[in-house]
Structure formats: C-alpha cells, structure tokens
C-alpha atoms as a PDB file:
ATOM      1  CA  MET A   1     -14.761 135.857 -32.403  1.00  0.00           C
ATOM      2  CA  VAL A   2     -16.046 133.652 -29.943  1.00  0.00           C
ATOM      3  CA  THR A   3     -13.892 131.021 -28.324  1.00  0.00           C
ATOM      4  CA  PRO A   4     -15.198 127.595 -28.359  1.00  0.00           C
ATOM      5  CA  LEU A   5     -15.783 126.901 -24.085  1.00  0.00           C
ATOM      6  CA  ARG A   6     -13.724 124.181 -24.880  1.00  0.00           C
ATOM      7  CA  LEU A   7     -10.861 125.416 -25.916  1.00  0.00           C
ATOM      8  CA  LEU A   8     -10.802 127.910 -22.369  1.00  0.00           C
ATOM      9  CA  PRO A   9      -9.095 125.728 -20.294  1.00  0.00           C
ATOM     10  CA  SER A  10      -5.709 125.077 -22.594  1.00  0.00           C
ATOM     11  CA  ILE A  11      -6.270 129.024 -23.416  1.00  0.00           C
ATOM     12  CA  LEU A  12      -6.092 129.759 -19.657  1.00  0.00           C
ATOM     13  CA  SER A  13      -3.200 127.755 -19.375  1.00  0.00           C
ATOM     14  CA  ILE A  14      -0.881 129.023 -21.625  1.00  0.00           C
ATOM     15  CA  ALA A  15      -2.040 132.556 -20.193  1.00  0.00           C
ATOM     16  CA  TYR A  16      -0.679 131.379 -17.477  1.00  0.00           C
ATOM     17  CA  LEU A  17       2.690 129.859 -17.870  1.00  0.00           C
ATOM     18  CA  LEU A  18       3.614 133.200 -19.490  1.00  0.00           C
ATOM     19  CA  SER A  19       2.366 135.393 -16.799  1.00  0.00           C
ATOM     20  CA  GLY A  20       5.061 133.208 -14.825  1.00  0.00           C
ATOM     21  CA  SER A  21       7.633 133.102 -17.232  1.00  0.00           C
ATOM     22  CA  LEU A  22       7.130 137.626 -17.211  1.00  0.00           C
ATOM     23  CA  HIS A  23       6.804 137.711 -13.853  1.00  0.00           C
ATOM     24  CA  ALA A  24      10.835 135.655 -13.838  1.00  0.00           C
ATOM     25  CA  GLN A  25      11.860 138.420 -16.166  1.00  0.00           C
ATOM     26  CA  GLU A  26      10.707 141.455 -13.853  1.00  0.00           C
ATOM     27  CA  VAL A  27      12.097 140.647 -10.996  1.00  0.00           C
ATOM     28  CA  LEU A  28      15.685 140.164  -9.487  1.00  0.00           C
ATOM     29  CA  THR A  29      16.298 137.857  -6.950  1.00  0.00           C
ATOM     30  CA  ALA A  30      18.628 136.552  -4.856  1.00  0.00           C
ATOM     31  CA  PRO A  31      21.444 133.840  -6.988  1.00  0.00           C
ATOM     32  CA  ASN A  32      21.124 131.722  -3.743  1.00  0.00           C
ATOM     33  CA  LYS A  33      17.588 132.130  -3.054  1.00  0.00           C
ATOM     34  CA  ASN A  34      16.346 128.922  -1.287  1.00  0.00           C
ATOM     35  CA  ALA A  35      19.016 129.068   1.131  1.00  0.00           C
ATOM     36  CA  GLU A  36      17.744 128.293   4.854  1.00  0.00           C
ATOM     37  CA  PRO A  37      17.433 131.597   6.748  1.00  0.00           C
ATOM     38  CA  ILE A  38      19.417 132.501   9.917  1.00  0.00           C
ATOM     39  CA  ASN A  39      17.441 132.711  13.367  1.00  0.00           C
ATOM     40  CA  GLN A  40      19.253 135.109  15.273  1.00  0.00           C
ATOM     41  CA  ARG A  41      16.876 134.209  18.333  1.00  0.00           C
ATOM     42  CA  ARG A  42      18.808 130.531  18.227  1.00  0.00           C
ATOM     43  CA  ALA A  43      21.457 133.043  19.340  1.00  0.00           C
ATOM     44  CA  TYR A  44      20.394 136.546  20.987  1.00  0.00           C
ATOM     45  CA  GLY A  45      17.166 138.822  20.780  1.00  0.00           C
ATOM     46  CA  ASN A  46      19.424 141.396  19.589  1.00  0.00           C
ATOM     47  CA  ALA A  47      21.730 139.492  16.640  1.00  0.00           C
ATOM     48  CA  CYS A  48      19.995 140.742  13.706  1.00  0.00           C
ATOM     49  CA  GLY A  49      22.750 143.087  12.340  1.00  0.00           C
ATOM     50  CA  PRO A  50      25.492 139.466  13.077  1.00  0.00           C
ATOM     51  CA  ALA A  51      22.801 137.427  11.823  1.00  0.00           C
ATOM     52  CA  SER A  52      21.691 139.677   8.263  1.00  0.00           C
ATOM     53  CA  LEU A  53      25.017 139.624   7.688  1.00  0.00           C
ATOM     54  CA  LEU A  54      24.773 135.875   7.519  1.00  0.00           C
ATOM     55  CA  ASN A  55      22.085 135.486   5.670  1.00  0.00           C
ATOM     56  CA  ALA A  56      23.820 138.414   2.599  1.00  0.00           C
ATOM     57  CA  PHE A  57      26.516 136.200   2.489  1.00  0.00           C
ATOM     58  CA  GLN A  58      24.447 132.650   1.787  1.00  0.00           C
ATOM     59  CA  TYR A  59      21.921 134.449  -0.170  1.00  0.00           C
ATOM     60  CA  GLY A  60      24.642 135.957  -2.380  1.00  0.00           C
ATOM     61  CA  ASP A  61      26.374 133.971  -5.599  1.00  0.00           C
ATOM     62  CA  LYS A  62      28.916 131.591  -4.847  1.00  0.00           C
ATOM     63  CA  LYS A  63      31.821 133.907  -4.110  1.00  0.00           C
ATOM     64  CA  TRP A  64      29.395 135.998  -1.457  1.00  0.00           C
ATOM     65  CA  GLN A  65      29.029 132.521  -0.177  1.00  0.00           C
ATOM     66  CA  LYS A  66      32.387 131.693   1.010  1.00  0.00           C
ATOM     67  CA  ALA A  67      32.146 134.341   3.551  1.00  0.00           C
ATOM     68  CA  TYR A  68      29.531 132.417   4.742  1.00  0.00           C
ATOM     69  CA  THR A  69      30.408 128.912   4.566  1.00  0.00           C
ATOM     70  CA  SER A  70      34.243 130.105   6.226  1.00  0.00           C
ATOM     71  CA  VAL A  71      31.823 130.821   9.411  1.00  0.00           C
ATOM     72  CA  GLN A  72      32.483 127.987  11.735  1.00  0.00           C
ATOM     73  CA  GLY A  73      29.291 126.453  13.323  1.00  0.00           C
ATOM     74  CA  LYS A  74      26.161 124.320  12.150  1.00  0.00           C
ATOM     75  CA  ASP A  75      23.247 125.647  13.199  1.00  0.00           C
ATOM     76  CA  SER A  76      22.056 129.748  13.234  1.00  0.00           C
ATOM     77  CA  ARG A  77      22.944 129.487  17.215  1.00  0.00           C
ATOM     78  CA  SER A  78      26.774 128.577  16.528  1.00  0.00           C
ATOM     79  CA  ARG A  79      27.339 130.711  13.780  1.00  0.00           C
ATOM     80  CA  ILE A  80      26.060 133.867  15.213  1.00  0.00           C
ATOM     81  CA  ARG A  81      27.981 132.929  18.226  1.00  0.00           C
ATOM     82  CA  HIS A  82      31.011 132.925  16.112  1.00  0.00           C
ATOM     83  CA  VAL A  83      30.752 136.371  14.247  1.00  0.00           C
ATOM     84  CA  ILE A  84      30.046 138.101  17.344  1.00  0.00           C
ATOM     85  CA  ALA A  85      33.280 136.274  19.127  1.00  0.00           C
ATOM     86  CA  THR A  86      35.385 136.955  16.152  1.00  0.00           C
ATOM     87  CA  TRP A  87      34.233 140.569  14.930  1.00  0.00           C
ATOM     88  CA  GLY A  88      31.962 141.636  17.221  1.00  0.00           C
ATOM     89  CA  ASN A  89      33.647 142.073  20.438  1.00  0.00           C
ATOM     90  CA  LYS A  90      36.156 144.090  18.807  1.00  0.00           C
ATOM     91  CA  PRO A  91      36.142 147.807  19.268  1.00  0.00           C
ATOM     92  CA  SER A  92      33.760 150.205  17.500  1.00  0.00           C
ATOM     93  CA  LYS A  93      35.932 152.685  15.604  1.00  0.00           C
ATOM     94  CA  HIS A  94      33.111 154.435  15.469  1.00  0.00           C
ATOM     95  CA  ILE A  95      31.940 155.400  19.454  1.00  0.00           C
ATOM     96  CA  LYS A  96      34.804 155.527  21.767  1.00  0.00           C
ATOM     97  CA  GLY A  97      34.733 153.004  24.490  1.00  0.00           C
ATOM     98  CA  VAL A  98      31.949 150.435  23.466  1.00  0.00           C
ATOM     99  CA  LYS A  99      32.403 147.280  21.096  1.00  0.00           C
ATOM    100  CA  ARG A 100      30.888 147.036  18.302  1.00  0.00           C
ATOM    101  CA  TRP A 101      27.954 144.655  18.730  1.00  0.00           C
ATOM    102  CA  ASN A 102      26.717 144.568  22.266  1.00  0.00           C
ATOM    103  CA  VAL A 103      23.727 142.033  24.103  1.00  0.00           C
ATOM    104  CA  LYS A 104      21.514 145.313  24.864  1.00  0.00           C
ATOM    105  CA  GLN A 105      21.565 147.774  21.653  1.00  0.00           C
ATOM    106  CA  GLY A 106      23.101 145.113  18.861  1.00  0.00           C
ATOM    107  CA  ILE A 107      24.948 147.129  16.249  1.00  0.00           C
ATOM    108  CA  ASN A 108      24.953 149.920  14.665  1.00  0.00           C
ATOM    109  CA  LEU A 109      25.307 150.462  10.721  1.00  0.00           C
ATOM    110  CA  LEU A 110      29.064 152.144  10.388  1.00  0.00           C
ATOM    111  CA  ASP A 111      30.108 149.019  12.890  1.00  0.00           C
ATOM    112  CA  LEU A 112      28.110 146.230  11.110  1.00  0.00           C
ATOM    113  CA  THR A 113      29.788 147.851   7.470  1.00  0.00           C
ATOM    114  CA  ASP A 114      32.739 147.186   9.378  1.00  0.00           C
ATOM    115  CA  MET A 115      32.655 143.743  10.686  1.00  0.00           C
ATOM    116  CA  ALA A 116      30.713 142.862   6.732  1.00  0.00           C
ATOM    117  CA  ASN A 117      34.274 143.968   5.358  1.00  0.00           C
ATOM    118  CA  GLU A 118      36.616 142.116   7.269  1.00  0.00           C
ATOM    119  CA  MET A 119      34.204 139.323   6.821  1.00  0.00           C
ATOM    120  CA  ARG A 120      35.077 139.198   3.181  1.00  0.00           C
ATOM    121  CA  SER A 121      38.378 140.736   2.791  1.00  0.00           C
ATOM    122  CA  ALA A 122      39.897 137.069   3.655  1.00  0.00           C
ATOM    123  CA  HIS A 123      38.177 135.672   0.654  1.00  0.00           C
ATOM    124  CA  PHE A 124      39.382 138.913  -1.760  1.00  0.00           C
ATOM    125  CA  LEU A 125      35.774 140.135  -2.006  1.00  0.00           C
ATOM    126  CA  PRO A 126      34.974 143.335  -3.189  1.00  0.00           C
ATOM    127  CA  LYS A 127      34.477 146.233  -0.679  1.00  0.00           C
ATOM    128  CA  ILE A 128      31.446 147.047   0.967  1.00  0.00           C
ATOM    129  CA  LYS A 129      29.606 150.144   1.653  1.00  0.00           C
ATOM    130  CA  ASN A 130      26.850 152.159   3.400  1.00  0.00           C
ATOM    131  CA  GLU A 131      24.140 154.732   2.696  1.00  0.00           C
ATOM    132  CA  ILE A 132      22.061 156.197   5.098  1.00  0.00           C
ATOM    133  CA  LEU A 133      18.801 157.277   2.752  1.00  0.00           C
ATOM    134  CA  THR A 134      17.479 160.729   3.309  1.00  0.00           C
ATOM    135  CA  LEU A 135      16.625 163.604   0.977  1.00  0.00           C
ATOM    136  CA  GLN A 136      18.826 165.329  -0.520  1.00  0.00           C
ATOM    137  CA  SER A 137      18.489 168.766  -1.055  1.00  0.00           C
ATOM    138  CA  GLY A 138      15.964 169.080  -4.559  1.00  0.00           C
ATOM    139  CA  GLU A 139      15.499 165.401  -4.262  1.00  0.00           C
ATOM    140  CA  SER A 140      11.303 164.379  -4.330  1.00  0.00           C
ATOM    141  CA  ARG A 141      10.136 161.619  -2.394  1.00  0.00           C
ATOM    142  CA  THR A 142      10.132 160.046  -5.910  1.00  0.00           C
ATOM    143  CA  GLN A 143      13.455 160.183  -7.152  1.00  0.00           C
ATOM    144  CA  LEU A 144      14.278 158.599  -3.581  1.00  0.00           C
ATOM    145  CA  LEU A 145      12.476 155.600  -3.797  1.00  0.00           C
ATOM    146  CA  GLN A 146      14.062 155.417  -7.518  1.00  0.00           C
ATOM    147  CA  ARG A 147      17.386 156.183  -5.863  1.00  0.00           C
ATOM    148  CA  SER A 148      16.720 153.242  -3.163  1.00  0.00           C
ATOM    149  CA  HIS A 149      15.393 150.559  -5.864  1.00  0.00           C
ATOM    150  CA  SER A 150      18.764 151.618  -7.850  1.00  0.00           C
ATOM    151  CA  ARG A 151      20.876 150.675  -4.800  1.00  0.00           C
ATOM    152  CA  MET A 152      19.136 147.652  -3.621  1.00  0.00           C
ATOM    153  CA  ALA A 153      19.499 146.436  -7.950  1.00  0.00           C
ATOM    154  CA  LYS A 154      23.024 146.946  -7.999  1.00  0.00           C
ATOM    155  CA  SER A 155      23.774 145.608  -4.972  1.00  0.00           C
ATOM    156  CA  LEU A 156      21.619 141.843  -6.334  1.00  0.00           C
ATOM    157  CA  LYS A 157      23.054 142.483  -9.642  1.00  0.00           C
ATOM    158  CA  LYS A 158      26.477 141.913  -8.205  1.00  0.00           C
ATOM    159  CA  GLY A 159      25.529 139.009  -6.505  1.00  0.00           C
ATOM    160  CA  LEU A 160      25.246 140.513  -2.726  1.00  0.00           C
ATOM    161  CA  PRO A 161      21.550 140.342  -1.572  1.00  0.00           C
ATOM    162  CA  PRO A 162      21.431 144.038   0.387  1.00  0.00           C
ATOM    163  CA  ILE A 163      21.155 144.325   4.113  1.00  0.00           C
ATOM    164  CA  ILE A 164      18.532 147.222   4.837  1.00  0.00           C
ATOM    165  CA  SER A 165      17.772 149.038   8.210  1.00  0.00           C
ATOM    166  CA  ILE A 166      14.318 150.051   9.175  1.00  0.00           C
ATOM    167  CA  ARG A 167      13.543 151.744  12.143  1.00  0.00           C
ATOM    168  CA  ARG A 168      10.235 152.436  14.419  1.00  0.00           C
ATOM    169  CA  TYR A 169       9.735 156.257  14.726  1.00  0.00           C
ATOM    170  CA  ALA A 170       6.712 156.741  17.651  1.00  0.00           C
ATOM    171  CA  TYR A 171       4.521 160.352  18.138  1.00  0.00           C
ATOM    172  CA  ARG A 172       5.076 161.094  21.818  1.00  0.00           C
ATOM    173  CA  TYR A 173       5.355 163.679  23.979  1.00  0.00           C
ATOM    174  CA  SER A 174       9.313 164.447  25.494  1.00  0.00           C
ATOM    175  CA  ASP A 175       9.925 166.773  28.308  1.00  0.00           C
ATOM    176  CA  ASP A 176      13.306 167.704  26.794  1.00  0.00           C
ATOM    177  CA  VAL A 177      11.471 170.115  24.040  1.00  0.00           C
ATOM    178  CA  GLY A 178       7.889 170.483  25.387  1.00  0.00           C
ATOM    179  CA  GLN A 179       5.996 168.875  23.220  1.00  0.00           C
ATOM    180  CA  LYS A 180       5.358 165.978  20.903  1.00  0.00           C
ATOM    181  CA  SER A 181       7.732 164.989  17.960  1.00  0.00           C
ATOM    182  CA  TRP A 182       8.794 161.670  16.870  1.00  0.00           C
ATOM    183  CA  TRP A 183      11.111 159.823  18.561  1.00  0.00           C
ATOM    184  CA  PRO A 184      12.963 156.919  16.906  1.00  0.00           C
ATOM    185  CA  ILE A 185      12.443 154.240  19.291  1.00  0.00           C
ATOM    186  CA  ARG A 186      13.890 150.397  17.597  1.00  0.00           C
ATOM    187  CA  ALA A 187      15.535 149.091  14.620  1.00  0.00           C
ATOM    188  CA  HIS A 188      15.652 146.106  12.859  1.00  0.00           C
ATOM    189  CA  PHE A 189      18.161 144.774   9.916  1.00  0.00           C
ATOM    190  CA  VAL A 190      16.562 142.564   7.305  1.00  0.00           C
ATOM    191  CA  VAL A 191      18.120 141.143   4.170  1.00  0.00           C
ATOM    192  CA  VAL A 192      16.401 142.095   0.473  1.00  0.00           C
ATOM    193  CA  ILE A 193      15.899 138.475  -1.809  1.00  0.00           C
ATOM    194  CA  GLU A 194      13.686 139.618  -4.340  1.00  0.00           C
ATOM    195  CA  ILE A 195      12.281 143.395  -6.134  1.00  0.00           C
ATOM    196  CA  PRO A 196      11.078 144.376  -9.444  1.00  0.00           C
ATOM    197  CA  LYS A 197      13.644 144.598 -12.011  1.00  0.00           C
ATOM    198  CA  LYS A 198      12.483 148.122 -13.755  1.00  0.00           C
ATOM    199  CA  LEU A 199      10.997 150.637 -11.729  1.00  0.00           C
ATOM    200  CA  PRO A 200       8.570 153.469 -13.819  1.00  0.00           C
ATOM    201  CA  LYS A 201       9.502 156.999 -13.396  1.00  0.00           C
ATOM    202  CA  ASP A 202       5.820 157.816 -11.943  1.00  0.00           C
ATOM    203  CA  SER A 203       6.043 154.811  -9.259  1.00  0.00           C
ATOM    204  CA  GLN A 204       4.988 155.740  -5.919  1.00  0.00           C
ATOM    205  CA  SER A 205       6.441 152.213  -4.047  1.00  0.00           C
ATOM    206  CA  PHE A 206       7.675 148.621  -4.936  1.00  0.00           C
ATOM    207  CA  LYS A 207       6.877 145.806  -3.645  1.00  0.00           C
ATOM    208  CA  ILE A 208       9.968 143.323  -1.961  1.00  0.00           C
ATOM    209  CA  ARG A 209      10.613 139.987  -0.265  1.00  0.00           C
ATOM    210  CA  TYR A 210      13.216 140.004   2.520  1.00  0.00           C
ATOM    211  CA  VAL A 211      14.611 137.403   5.462  1.00  0.00           C
ATOM    212  CA  ASP A 212      13.913 139.205   8.717  1.00  0.00           C
ATOM    213  CA  PRO A 213      16.583 137.292  10.939  1.00  0.00           C
ATOM    214  CA  TYR A 214      13.444 137.609  14.045  1.00  0.00           C
ATOM    215  CA  GLY A 215      12.355 134.173  13.622  1.00  0.00           C
ATOM    216  CA  GLY A 216      14.100 133.387  10.279  1.00  0.00           C
ATOM    217  CA  TYR A 217      11.424 134.346   8.157  1.00  0.00           C
ATOM    218  CA  THR A 218      10.367 134.975   4.703  1.00  0.00           C
ATOM    219  CA  ARG A 219       8.457 137.618   4.057  1.00  0.00           C
ATOM    220  CA  THR A 220       7.268 140.683   1.830  1.00  0.00           C
ATOM    221  CA  GLY A 221       6.923 144.626   2.333  1.00  0.00           C
ATOM    222  CA  THR A 222       5.880 147.253   0.382  1.00  0.00           C
ATOM    223  CA  ILE A 223       8.881 150.645   0.554  1.00  0.00           C
ATOM    224  CA  SER A 224       6.922 153.594  -0.233  1.00  0.00           C
ATOM    225  CA  ALA A 225       7.333 157.101  -0.874  1.00  0.00           C
ATOM    226  CA  ALA A 226       4.216 158.307   1.415  1.00  0.00           C
ATOM    227  CA  THR A 227       5.033 159.541   5.244  1.00  0.00           C
ATOM    228  CA  GLY A 228       1.904 158.211   6.665  1.00  0.00           C
ATOM    229  CA  ASP A 229       1.623 160.374   9.673  1.00  0.00           C
ATOM    230  CA  PHE A 230       5.329 160.903   9.721  1.00  0.00           C
ATOM    231  CA  ILE A 231       4.330 164.462   7.621  1.00  0.00           C
ATOM    232  CA  HIS A 232       7.852 165.340   7.691  1.00  0.00           C
ATOM    233  CA  SER A 233      10.050 162.462   7.656  1.00  0.00           C
ATOM    234  CA  PRO A 234      12.930 162.187   5.524  1.00  0.00           C
ATOM    235  CA  PHE A 235      12.913 158.776   5.606  1.00  0.00           C
ATOM    236  CA  LEU A 236      10.801 156.057   3.054  1.00  0.00           C
ATOM    237  CA  ILE A 237       8.445 154.346   4.580  1.00  0.00           C
ATOM    238  CA  ALA A 238       8.560 150.913   4.994  1.00  0.00           C
ATOM    239  CA  ASN A 239       5.101 148.755   4.950  1.00  0.00           C
ATOM    240  CA  PHE A 240       6.281 145.632   6.952  1.00  0.00           C
ATOM    241  CA  PRO A 241       2.751 143.924   8.438  1.00  0.00           C
ATOM    242  CA  HIS A 242       4.927 140.675   9.154  1.00  0.00           C
ATOM    243  CA  THR A 243       7.492 142.572  10.848  1.00  0.00           C
ATOM    244  CA  SER A 244       7.127 144.687  14.177  1.00  0.00           C
ATOM    245  CA  VAL A 245       9.671 146.905  15.176  1.00  0.00           C
ATOM    246  CA  GLY A 246       9.727 147.899  18.689  1.00  0.00           C
ATOM    247  CA  GLY A 247       5.704 147.342  18.200  1.00  0.00           C
ATOM    248  CA  TYR A 248       5.903 146.283  21.999  1.00  0.00           C
ATOM    249  CA  LEU A 249       7.032 149.711  23.105  1.00  0.00           C
ATOM    250  CA  LEU A 250       4.210 151.924  21.862  1.00  0.00           C
ATOM    251  CA  LYS A 251       1.973 153.445  24.247  1.00  0.00           C
ATOM    252  CA  ASN A 252      -2.004 153.379  24.008  1.00  0.00           C
ATOM    253  CA  GLN A 253      -2.874 154.342  20.573  1.00  0.00           C
ATOM    254  CA  GLU A 254       0.311 156.111  19.975  1.00  0.00           C
ATOM    255  CA  LYS A 255       0.914 156.812  16.363  1.00  0.00           C
ATOM    256  CA  SER A 256       4.015 155.083  14.635  1.00  0.00           C
ATOM    257  CA  GLU A 257       5.485 154.740  11.436  1.00  0.00           C
ATOM    258  CA  LEU A 258       8.163 152.275  10.157  1.00  0.00           C
ATOM    259  CA  SER A 259      10.512 154.217   8.091  1.00  0.00           C
ATOM    260  CA  PHE A 260      13.262 152.520   5.528  1.00  0.00           C
ATOM    261  CA  CYS A 261      16.563 154.195   6.945  1.00  0.00           C
ATOM    262  CA  ALA A 262      19.715 153.070   5.469  1.00  0.00           C
ATOM    263  CA  ILE A 263      21.056 150.137   3.355  1.00  0.00           C
ATOM    264  CA  ILE A 264      24.561 148.027   3.088  1.00  0.00           C
ATOM    265  CA  GLY A 265      26.059 146.519   0.058  1.00  0.00           C
ATOM    266  CA  ARG A 266      27.421 146.223  -3.309  1.00  0.00           C
ATOM    267  CA  TRP A 267      27.003 149.535  -6.156  1.00  0.00           C
END
C-alpha cells in the first residue's frame, strides 16, 4: 500500500515520539539527572576524586543527596575544599605516612572509598564498595564487559551513580626493563549518569553518559571489550574522545590507550 504524502508528516511525528519513549525505557539514568556538575578546576587540578564524590551524591536519589547537601559551601570551590579539609586530609589507611589526598597526586581508589563511606555514615546510608575490574580466570572480555555493566546498573538502580576510574597507558621504552612496554601515566575519576538498561550477550561495547569533573562537563563515551593497541590489557577500553587523561604527558607519536580500571558504588 502506498501512503498518501499528506499523511507522512503525522506518521513521522508518531514514529519519533515512539522512538523517544522507547529510548527512555532502554536506559538507566541518574535519579537527579539535572544536577549542576561540580568543577574540580575551581579548587585544585588534582581534585577529581573529591569532586566526583560530590557529583555522585548530588546526582543520586534524595537519600544520597543528603550526603551532598550536608557539605559546607556554596559553590564547587568551597565544597571541594571542605571535603578535602574534613575527609581528605586524614592519614591513609593503605599507604603509610601519607594523607588520603595530596595536591600533586590526588587520591587513590581505596582512600576515596574510605572518604565516601565516612561521608555517608552520618546519614545512615548503605556501605559503598569498590572493585578493580580486570579479567578473571577463564573470563572473556565480553564477559568482563557484562560484569562491568552489571556493577554500573546495580548502583544506578540503588540510587547512587557510580564513580569509575580511568587510566591512560603509554607504550614507551623503559630503562628498568630494557624494552618498550605499557606504563600507566595518569588516572582520573568520573561519574556515570546514564547507561543502557540491558546489554545483549554478544555486545562488544556500550555507550555511557558521564560527568567529567575536570571543567564540570557532561560527556558521552563508550566502554569497549576491544584492547586497541594495548593487546594484552587486562582492562576494558574507555573511548572518551572529550576527556584527555594524561594526553599532555605523551611524547610525539607515542601509542596510548585509555583503560576503564575500577568502580566505586552500590551493588
């Protein structure tokens, strides 16, 4: 049957509306998706961890937002500085003789998790976990992709957008080993605020929307089971074209890959 031309606009409009509603059903989104991103650059260049904690709490549901609204301050600068002064300046339980956060190196995954749990405990919120997402024995890269998606999905469903750790690896010569190999050069924390609700078993990648505290932007990227140039990588690849982690540390024509290494959240 041939559709009359006069009916095409209305049919296309209906199709567009249907596709929009299907899209809404197919994704998991942070409860407070219209929050204003915290910008770490207003305070310190290496404050992505504390800034991501604030973003995770404020983009969460009402119970998790309590951990955000209780932080003293009226803007990104004052809130980040309060978080660091109150929780970041405590001694690390994992690295002897150093504080959790410092201005040169920022903070590691374990210390950031400790900070998150101290911030939430005053509000009687559930315990926050972390996990390093590497290939397990007998696990395929597509299975690791599924496991990683599952961790993100569970945290979003529990009302807390997960914080993920991404790390730039560069393929460079090392005097220590006498040959070229992959070396970590810079890490960064961002907050995931949207992912597909379900992931087909044969999926090789999935798109995410995330909050990058470096500038306070909402970005889109892809988590991939591929390894790129990092052939023997135990991690998934993070294709984040708008987030250049450690890009300025790369030498001319040096190969590099951005890896998705770990997650902090609720599952």
